[in-house]
Amino acid sequence: MRETPLEVSSKYVHGITWPVLKGELIETMQRNGAPEDVLEVVRSFRLARFVAPSDVHQALWNRA
């Protein structure tokens, strides 16, 4: 992951209505151009439902 977790969690979640299920989050992030390594982090994170962008940020920080 070349970008910081904060950059990623704001850049690739554009257009999401919160809360969101993990599958929908991943689909939206793919459409927004998220790289596969970022998507894999989200896929492997323990939450099935993300309440806010801060949940994505937390997942990415745990792997950064």
C-alpha atoms as a PDB file:
ATOM      1  CA  MET A   1       0.000   0.000   0.000  1.00  0.00           C
ATOM      2  CA  ARG A   2       1.719   3.155  -1.196  1.00  0.00           C
ATOM      3  CA  GLU A   3      -0.841   5.599   0.151  1.00  0.00           C
ATOM      4  CA  THR A   4      -1.440   6.310   3.809  1.00  0.00           C
ATOM      5  CA  PRO A   5      -4.501   4.738   5.437  1.00  0.00           C
ATOM      6  CA  LEU A   6      -6.084   8.186   5.730  1.00  0.00           C
ATOM      7  CA  GLU A   7      -5.636   8.848   1.998  1.00  0.00           C
ATOM      8  CA  VAL A   8      -7.058   5.451   1.125  1.00  0.00           C
ATOM      9  CA  SER A   9     -10.011   5.674   3.489  1.00  0.00           C
ATOM     10  CA  SER A  10     -11.073   9.002   1.968  1.00  0.00           C
ATOM     11  CA  LYS A  11     -10.159   8.412  -1.687  1.00  0.00           C
ATOM     12  CA  TYR A  12     -11.800   5.065  -2.410  1.00  0.00           C
ATOM     13  CA  VAL A  13     -14.972   5.304  -0.317  1.00  0.00           C
ATOM     14  CA  HIS A  14     -16.445   8.213  -2.289  1.00  0.00           C
ATOM     15  CA  GLY A  15     -20.158   7.716  -2.940  1.00  0.00           C
ATOM     16  CA  ILE A  16     -20.858   5.298  -0.096  1.00  0.00           C
ATOM     17  CA  THR A  17     -23.935   5.696   2.068  1.00  0.00           C
ATOM     18  CA  TRP A  18     -23.064   4.689   5.614  1.00  0.00           C
ATOM     19  CA  PRO A  19     -23.520   2.215   7.228  1.00  0.00           C
ATOM     20  CA  VAL A  20     -22.537  -0.273   4.529  1.00  0.00           C
ATOM     21  CA  LEU A  21     -22.068  -4.030   4.339  1.00  0.00           C
ATOM     22  CA  LYS A  22     -18.580  -5.273   3.554  1.00  0.00           C
ATOM     23  CA  GLY A  23     -19.527  -6.622   0.105  1.00  0.00           C
ATOM     24  CA  GLU A  24     -21.021  -3.327  -1.043  1.00  0.00           C
ATOM     25  CA  LEU A  25     -18.056  -1.435   0.393  1.00  0.00           C
ATOM     26  CA  ILE A  26     -15.618  -3.596  -1.560  1.00  0.00           C
ATOM     27  CA  GLU A  27     -17.627  -3.212  -4.793  1.00  0.00           C
ATOM     28  CA  THR A  28     -17.662   0.578  -4.431  1.00  0.00           C
ATOM     29  CA  MET A  29     -13.977   0.702  -3.608  1.00  0.00           C
ATOM     30  CA  GLN A  30     -13.247  -1.399  -6.724  1.00  0.00           C
ATOM     31  CA  ARG A  31     -15.285   1.007  -8.885  1.00  0.00           C
ATOM     32  CA  ASN A  32     -13.355   3.899  -7.339  1.00  0.00           C
ATOM     33  CA  GLY A  33     -10.045   2.334  -8.368  1.00  0.00           C
ATOM     34  CA  ALA A  34      -8.798   0.838  -5.108  1.00  0.00           C
ATOM     35  CA  PRO A  35      -5.775  -1.426  -5.645  1.00  0.00           C
ATOM     36  CA  GLU A  36      -6.056  -5.126  -4.856  1.00  0.00           C
ATOM     37  CA  ASP A  37      -3.869  -4.933  -1.734  1.00  0.00           C
ATOM     38  CA  VAL A  38      -6.233  -2.376  -0.213  1.00  0.00           C
ATOM     39  CA  LEU A  39      -9.277  -4.477  -1.112  1.00  0.00           C
ATOM     40  CA  GLU A  40      -7.677  -7.542   0.454  1.00  0.00           C
ATOM     41  CA  VAL A  41      -7.186  -5.689   3.744  1.00  0.00           C
ATOM     42  CA  VAL A  42     -10.873  -4.735   3.802  1.00  0.00           C
ATOM     43  CA  ARG A  43     -11.924  -8.299   2.875  1.00  0.00           C
ATOM     44  CA  SER A  44      -9.924  -9.739   5.761  1.00  0.00           C
ATOM     45  CA  PHE A  45     -11.047  -7.202   8.386  1.00  0.00           C
ATOM     46  CA  ARG A  46     -13.301  -8.580  11.133  1.00  0.00           C
ATOM     47  CA  LEU A  47     -16.275  -6.255  10.530  1.00  0.00           C
ATOM     48  CA  ALA A  48     -19.149  -7.340   8.288  1.00  0.00           C
ATOM     49  CA  ARG A  49     -20.752  -3.887   8.484  1.00  0.00           C
ATOM     50  CA  PHE A  50     -18.847  -0.614   8.336  1.00  0.00           C
ATOM     51  CA  VAL A  51     -20.544   2.289  10.109  1.00  0.00           C
ATOM     52  CA  ALA A  52     -18.297   5.155   8.969  1.00  0.00           C
ATOM     53  CA  PRO A  53     -15.121   5.857   6.976  1.00  0.00           C
ATOM     54  CA  SER A  54     -13.244   5.608  10.269  1.00  0.00           C
ATOM     55  CA  ASP A  55     -13.912   1.838  10.238  1.00  0.00           C
ATOM     56  CA  VAL A  56     -12.096   1.563   6.906  1.00  0.00           C
ATOM     57  CA  HIS A  57      -9.322   3.758   8.275  1.00  0.00           C
ATOM     58  CA  GLN A  58      -8.987   1.455  11.303  1.00  0.00           C
ATOM     59  CA  ALA A  59      -8.756  -1.650   9.105  1.00  0.00           C
ATOM     60  CA  LEU A  60      -6.015  -0.072   7.024  1.00  0.00           C
ATOM     61  CA  TRP A  61      -4.052   1.194  10.043  1.00  0.00           C
ATOM     62  CA  ASN A  62      -4.035  -2.307  11.493  1.00  0.00           C
ATOM     63  CA  ARG A  63      -2.227  -3.481   8.333  1.00  0.00           C
ATOM     64  CA  ALA A  64      -0.037  -0.425   7.627  1.00  0.00           C
END
